[in-house]
Amino acid sequence: MSTPTACAGRMILVILADDDANVGALRDLLSEKHGVDSYLTHRCRGSFPGCPLDRRGVPLWREMIILEAAVPEAQAETVFQDVHTTCIAGRNDGSMLIMGQARRIGLASSP
């Protein structure tokens, strides 16, 4: 018998071009406006739809920032919309925004 999973809220994943102003605006939005301080940032390199192309039409690899934020269920939709409006809308730089269910995984007992 296994322990059921419990919903702990939502996870918001944001991938942004390495732009200090946009990343800073995202951190300020989460911390100051929404009081969300549970987030991690990572650096990565890659290309996504919307990234610039070289003269042959091949996407250029770029430095990106990944931010993962744990958001309470009651705030999730509002935070998601604000992040989209502030950091994603109108940008053509490969930025992405994803929201999914956060779950705490229970341990399965031995048979």
N, C-alpha and C. Protein backbone atom coordinates (compact mmCIF):
# COMPACT_ATOMS: atom_id res chain seq x y z
N MET A 1 0.85 -1.18 0.00
CA MET A 1 0.00 0.00 0.00
C MET A 1 0.89 1.24 0.00
N SER A 2 0.52 2.23 -0.78
CA SER A 2 1.33 3.44 -0.85
C SER A 2 0.59 4.62 -0.25
N THR A 3 1.38 5.60 0.17
CA THR A 3 0.82 6.82 0.71
C THR A 3 0.33 7.68 -0.44
N PRO A 4 -0.87 8.24 -0.40
CA PRO A 4 -1.34 9.07 -1.51
C PRO A 4 -0.53 10.35 -1.62
N THR A 5 -0.45 10.87 -2.83
CA THR A 5 0.23 12.15 -3.02
C THR A 5 -0.67 13.28 -2.54
N ALA A 6 -0.07 14.34 -2.04
CA ALA A 6 -0.83 15.48 -1.54
C ALA A 6 -0.48 16.71 -2.36
N CYS A 7 -1.47 17.44 -2.79
CA CYS A 7 -1.26 18.65 -3.58
C CYS A 7 -0.72 19.74 -2.67
N ALA A 8 0.38 20.35 -3.07
CA ALA A 8 1.01 21.38 -2.26
C ALA A 8 0.93 22.76 -2.91
N GLY A 9 0.18 22.90 -3.98
CA GLY A 9 0.09 24.18 -4.68
C GLY A 9 0.48 24.01 -6.13
N ARG A 10 1.10 25.04 -6.68
CA ARG A 10 1.51 25.03 -8.09
C ARG A 10 2.99 25.36 -8.19
N MET A 11 3.61 24.83 -9.24
CA MET A 11 4.98 25.18 -9.59
C MET A 11 4.91 26.01 -10.85
N ILE A 12 5.58 27.14 -10.82
CA ILE A 12 5.67 27.98 -12.01
C ILE A 12 7.13 27.94 -12.46
N LEU A 13 7.33 27.62 -13.71
CA LEU A 13 8.66 27.53 -14.30
C LEU A 13 8.75 28.61 -15.37
N VAL A 14 9.75 29.47 -15.24
CA VAL A 14 9.94 30.57 -16.18
C VAL A 14 11.34 30.43 -16.78
N ILE A 15 11.44 30.47 -18.09
CA ILE A 15 12.73 30.47 -18.78
C ILE A 15 12.85 31.80 -19.49
N LEU A 16 13.86 32.58 -19.11
CA LEU A 16 14.05 33.93 -19.66
C LEU A 16 15.44 34.06 -20.25
N ALA A 17 15.54 34.91 -21.27
CA ALA A 17 16.86 35.27 -21.78
C ALA A 17 17.63 35.93 -20.64
N ASP A 18 18.95 35.77 -20.64
CA ASP A 18 19.79 36.31 -19.56
C ASP A 18 19.83 37.83 -19.66
N ASP A 19 18.79 38.45 -19.17
CA ASP A 19 18.60 39.90 -19.20
C ASP A 19 18.35 40.34 -17.76
N ASP A 20 19.34 41.03 -17.17
CA ASP A 20 19.25 41.39 -15.76
C ASP A 20 17.99 42.17 -15.42
N ALA A 21 17.56 43.06 -16.30
CA ALA A 21 16.37 43.87 -16.02
C ALA A 21 15.12 43.00 -15.95
N ASN A 22 14.96 42.08 -16.89
CA ASN A 22 13.77 41.23 -16.92
C ASN A 22 13.77 40.23 -15.76
N VAL A 23 14.92 39.63 -15.47
CA VAL A 23 15.03 38.69 -14.36
C VAL A 23 14.79 39.41 -13.03
N GLY A 24 15.34 40.62 -12.88
CA GLY A 24 15.11 41.41 -11.67
C GLY A 24 13.65 41.78 -11.51
N ALA A 25 12.99 42.12 -12.62
CA ALA A 25 11.56 42.45 -12.56
C ALA A 25 10.75 41.24 -12.10
N LEU A 26 11.14 40.05 -12.56
CA LEU A 26 10.45 38.83 -12.15
C LEU A 26 10.64 38.57 -10.66
N ARG A 27 11.86 38.68 -10.17
CA ARG A 27 12.12 38.47 -8.73
C ARG A 27 11.35 39.48 -7.88
N ASP A 28 11.36 40.73 -8.30
CA ASP A 28 10.61 41.77 -7.57
C ASP A 28 9.12 41.47 -7.57
N LEU A 29 8.59 41.06 -8.71
CA LEU A 29 7.18 40.74 -8.82
C LEU A 29 6.80 39.62 -7.86
N LEU A 30 7.60 38.56 -7.84
CA LEU A 30 7.31 37.44 -6.95
C LEU A 30 7.43 37.82 -5.48
N SER A 31 8.55 38.44 -5.11
CA SER A 31 8.82 38.75 -3.71
C SER A 31 7.97 39.89 -3.16
N GLU A 32 7.98 41.01 -3.86
CA GLU A 32 7.34 42.22 -3.32
C GLU A 32 5.83 42.25 -3.53
N LYS A 33 5.39 41.93 -4.73
CA LYS A 33 3.95 42.03 -5.01
C LYS A 33 3.17 40.83 -4.47
N HIS A 34 3.74 39.63 -4.61
CA HIS A 34 3.00 38.42 -4.25
C HIS A 34 3.51 37.74 -2.99
N GLY A 35 4.61 38.19 -2.42
CA GLY A 35 5.13 37.58 -1.20
C GLY A 35 5.63 36.16 -1.39
N VAL A 36 6.02 35.81 -2.60
CA VAL A 36 6.52 34.46 -2.89
C VAL A 36 8.04 34.49 -2.84
N ASP A 37 8.60 33.84 -1.82
CA ASP A 37 10.05 33.80 -1.68
C ASP A 37 10.61 32.40 -1.88
N SER A 38 9.75 31.44 -2.22
CA SER A 38 10.18 30.06 -2.46
C SER A 38 10.47 29.88 -3.95
N TYR A 39 11.66 30.29 -4.36
CA TYR A 39 12.03 30.07 -5.75
C TYR A 39 13.52 29.80 -5.88
N LEU A 40 13.87 29.11 -6.94
CA LEU A 40 15.26 28.81 -7.26
C LEU A 40 15.56 29.34 -8.64
N THR A 41 16.79 29.77 -8.85
CA THR A 41 17.19 30.17 -10.19
C THR A 41 18.39 29.33 -10.63
N HIS A 42 18.43 29.04 -11.92
CA HIS A 42 19.51 28.28 -12.53
C HIS A 42 19.90 28.98 -13.82
N ARG A 43 21.12 28.74 -14.25
CA ARG A 43 21.56 29.24 -15.55
C ARG A 43 21.65 28.05 -16.50
N CYS A 44 21.35 28.29 -17.76
CA CYS A 44 21.44 27.23 -18.76
C CYS A 44 21.80 27.85 -20.10
N ARG A 45 22.07 27.01 -21.05
CA ARG A 45 22.34 27.47 -22.41
C ARG A 45 21.52 26.61 -23.35
N GLY A 46 20.92 27.22 -24.33
CA GLY A 46 20.14 26.47 -25.29
C GLY A 46 19.44 27.40 -26.26
N SER A 47 18.58 26.82 -27.07
CA SER A 47 17.79 27.62 -28.00
C SER A 47 16.35 27.15 -27.92
N PHE A 48 15.45 28.06 -28.10
CA PHE A 48 14.03 27.81 -28.01
C PHE A 48 13.34 28.51 -29.17
N PRO A 49 12.10 28.14 -29.46
CA PRO A 49 11.37 28.88 -30.50
C PRO A 49 11.37 30.37 -30.17
N GLY A 50 11.68 31.19 -31.13
CA GLY A 50 11.73 32.63 -30.91
C GLY A 50 13.14 33.15 -30.72
N CYS A 51 14.12 32.26 -30.52
CA CYS A 51 15.50 32.70 -30.39
C CYS A 51 16.01 33.16 -31.76
N PRO A 52 16.98 34.07 -31.77
CA PRO A 52 17.52 34.55 -33.04
C PRO A 52 18.14 33.41 -33.85
N LEU A 53 18.17 33.59 -35.18
CA LEU A 53 18.73 32.59 -36.09
C LEU A 53 20.00 33.14 -36.73
N ASP A 54 20.93 32.24 -37.07
CA ASP A 54 22.11 32.69 -37.81
C ASP A 54 21.75 32.83 -39.29
N ARG A 55 22.71 33.16 -40.13
CA ARG A 55 22.41 33.43 -41.54
C ARG A 55 21.92 32.19 -42.29
N ARG A 56 22.17 30.99 -41.72
CA ARG A 56 21.69 29.74 -42.34
C ARG A 56 20.31 29.33 -41.83
N GLY A 57 19.77 30.09 -40.86
CA GLY A 57 18.47 29.75 -40.30
C GLY A 57 18.53 28.82 -39.11
N VAL A 58 19.75 28.60 -38.58
CA VAL A 58 19.94 27.72 -37.42
C VAL A 58 19.82 28.56 -36.14
N PRO A 59 19.02 28.10 -35.17
CA PRO A 59 18.89 28.88 -33.92
C PRO A 59 20.23 29.06 -33.21
N LEU A 60 20.47 30.27 -32.73
CA LEU A 60 21.68 30.55 -31.96
C LEU A 60 21.47 30.12 -30.51
N TRP A 61 22.46 29.50 -29.93
CA TRP A 61 22.38 29.14 -28.52
C TRP A 61 22.59 30.40 -27.71
N ARG A 62 21.86 30.50 -26.61
CA ARG A 62 22.00 31.68 -25.76
C ARG A 62 21.95 31.28 -24.30
N GLU A 63 22.45 32.19 -23.50
CA GLU A 63 22.39 32.01 -22.05
C GLU A 63 20.97 32.32 -21.60
N MET A 64 20.42 31.45 -20.76
CA MET A 64 19.06 31.62 -20.26
C MET A 64 19.06 31.48 -18.74
N ILE A 65 18.05 32.01 -18.12
CA ILE A 65 17.82 31.86 -16.69
C ILE A 65 16.54 31.05 -16.52
N ILE A 66 16.59 30.04 -15.66
CA ILE A 66 15.40 29.27 -15.31
C ILE A 66 15.04 29.62 -13.88
N LEU A 67 13.80 29.99 -13.66
CA LEU A 67 13.32 30.27 -12.31
C LEU A 67 12.16 29.33 -12.02
N GLU A 68 12.25 28.61 -10.90
CA GLU A 68 11.19 27.71 -10.45
C GLU A 68 10.62 28.28 -9.16
N ALA A 69 9.32 28.51 -9.13
CA ALA A 69 8.69 29.09 -7.94
C ALA A 69 7.56 28.19 -7.45
N ALA A 70 7.54 27.95 -6.14
CA ALA A 70 6.43 27.24 -5.51
C ALA A 70 5.42 28.30 -5.08
N VAL A 71 4.20 28.17 -5.58
CA VAL A 71 3.16 29.18 -5.36
C VAL A 71 1.94 28.51 -4.73
N PRO A 72 1.38 29.11 -3.67
CA PRO A 72 0.16 28.54 -3.08
C PRO A 72 -0.96 28.49 -4.12
N GLU A 73 -1.78 27.46 -4.03
CA GLU A 73 -2.87 27.24 -4.98
C GLU A 73 -3.75 28.47 -5.15
N ALA A 74 -4.07 29.16 -4.05
CA ALA A 74 -4.97 30.31 -4.10
C ALA A 74 -4.41 31.48 -4.90
N GLN A 75 -3.08 31.59 -5.00
CA GLN A 75 -2.44 32.69 -5.72
C GLN A 75 -1.98 32.32 -7.11
N ALA A 76 -1.99 31.05 -7.45
CA ALA A 76 -1.31 30.56 -8.65
C ALA A 76 -1.74 31.25 -9.94
N GLU A 77 -3.03 31.35 -10.18
CA GLU A 77 -3.50 31.94 -11.44
C GLU A 77 -3.12 33.41 -11.55
N THR A 78 -3.24 34.15 -10.45
CA THR A 78 -2.88 35.57 -10.45
C THR A 78 -1.39 35.77 -10.70
N VAL A 79 -0.57 34.97 -10.01
CA VAL A 79 0.88 35.07 -10.20
C VAL A 79 1.25 34.71 -11.64
N PHE A 80 0.66 33.65 -12.17
CA PHE A 80 0.93 33.22 -13.54
C PHE A 80 0.61 34.35 -14.53
N GLN A 81 -0.56 34.96 -14.39
CA GLN A 81 -0.96 36.05 -15.29
C GLN A 81 -0.02 37.25 -15.17
N ASP A 82 0.35 37.61 -13.93
CA ASP A 82 1.27 38.74 -13.72
C ASP A 82 2.64 38.48 -14.32
N VAL A 83 3.16 37.25 -14.14
CA VAL A 83 4.46 36.90 -14.72
C VAL A 83 4.38 36.98 -16.24
N HIS A 84 3.31 36.47 -16.82
CA HIS A 84 3.15 36.53 -18.28
C HIS A 84 3.14 37.98 -18.76
N THR A 85 2.34 38.81 -18.12
CA THR A 85 2.22 40.20 -18.53
C THR A 85 3.54 40.96 -18.36
N THR A 86 4.23 40.73 -17.24
CA THR A 86 5.45 41.48 -16.92
C THR A 86 6.68 41.00 -17.69
N CYS A 87 6.84 39.69 -17.84
CA CYS A 87 8.11 39.16 -18.33
C CYS A 87 8.06 38.40 -19.65
N ILE A 88 6.88 38.03 -20.13
CA ILE A 88 6.80 37.19 -21.32
C ILE A 88 6.14 37.90 -22.50
N ALA A 89 5.00 38.53 -22.26
CA ALA A 89 4.22 39.15 -23.34
C ALA A 89 5.03 40.17 -24.11
N GLY A 90 4.95 40.09 -25.42
CA GLY A 90 5.61 41.07 -26.28
C GLY A 90 7.09 40.83 -26.49
N ARG A 91 7.66 39.79 -25.90
CA ARG A 91 9.08 39.51 -26.06
C ARG A 91 9.25 38.43 -27.13
N ASN A 92 10.25 38.59 -27.94
CA ASN A 92 10.53 37.60 -28.98
C ASN A 92 11.95 37.08 -28.77
N ASP A 93 12.19 36.52 -27.57
CA ASP A 93 13.55 36.12 -27.23
C ASP A 93 13.63 34.68 -26.72
N GLY A 94 12.59 33.88 -26.96
CA GLY A 94 12.63 32.49 -26.53
C GLY A 94 12.17 32.27 -25.11
N SER A 95 11.60 33.27 -24.46
CA SER A 95 11.12 33.11 -23.08
C SER A 95 9.94 32.14 -23.05
N MET A 96 9.84 31.39 -21.95
CA MET A 96 8.75 30.43 -21.80
C MET A 96 8.20 30.51 -20.38
N LEU A 97 6.93 30.15 -20.23
CA LEU A 97 6.26 30.16 -18.93
C LEU A 97 5.38 28.92 -18.86
N ILE A 98 5.57 28.13 -17.80
CA ILE A 98 4.83 26.88 -17.62
C ILE A 98 4.34 26.83 -16.18
N MET A 99 3.10 26.34 -15.99
CA MET A 99 2.60 26.13 -14.63
C MET A 99 2.10 24.70 -14.52
N GLY A 100 2.47 24.05 -13.44
CA GLY A 100 2.03 22.68 -13.22
C GLY A 100 1.68 22.46 -11.77
N GLN A 101 1.10 21.31 -11.51
CA GLN A 101 0.71 20.95 -10.15
C GLN A 101 1.94 20.52 -9.37
N ALA A 102 2.13 21.07 -8.19
CA ALA A 102 3.21 20.64 -7.31
C ALA A 102 2.66 19.54 -6.42
N ARG A 103 3.39 18.48 -6.28
CA ARG A 103 2.94 17.36 -5.44
C ARG A 103 4.06 16.91 -4.53
N ARG A 104 3.66 16.48 -3.37
CA ARG A 104 4.59 15.88 -2.43
C ARG A 104 4.41 14.38 -2.60
N ILE A 105 5.48 13.70 -2.91
CA ILE A 105 5.36 12.28 -3.22
C ILE A 105 5.52 11.47 -1.93
N GLY A 106 4.55 10.63 -1.66
CA GLY A 106 4.60 9.78 -0.48
C GLY A 106 5.51 8.58 -0.70
N LEU A 107 5.95 7.96 0.35
CA LEU A 107 6.80 6.78 0.26
C LEU A 107 5.91 5.54 0.23
N ALA A 108 6.23 4.64 -0.65
CA ALA A 108 5.47 3.38 -0.73
C ALA A 108 5.98 2.44 0.36
N SER A 109 5.08 1.77 1.03
CA SER A 109 5.49 0.79 2.04
C SER A 109 5.89 -0.49 1.35
N SER A 110 6.72 -1.27 2.00
CA SER A 110 7.16 -2.52 1.39
C SER A 110 6.03 -3.54 1.39
N PRO A 111 6.01 -4.43 0.40
CA PRO A 111 4.90 -5.40 0.27
C PRO A 111 4.87 -6.39 1.41
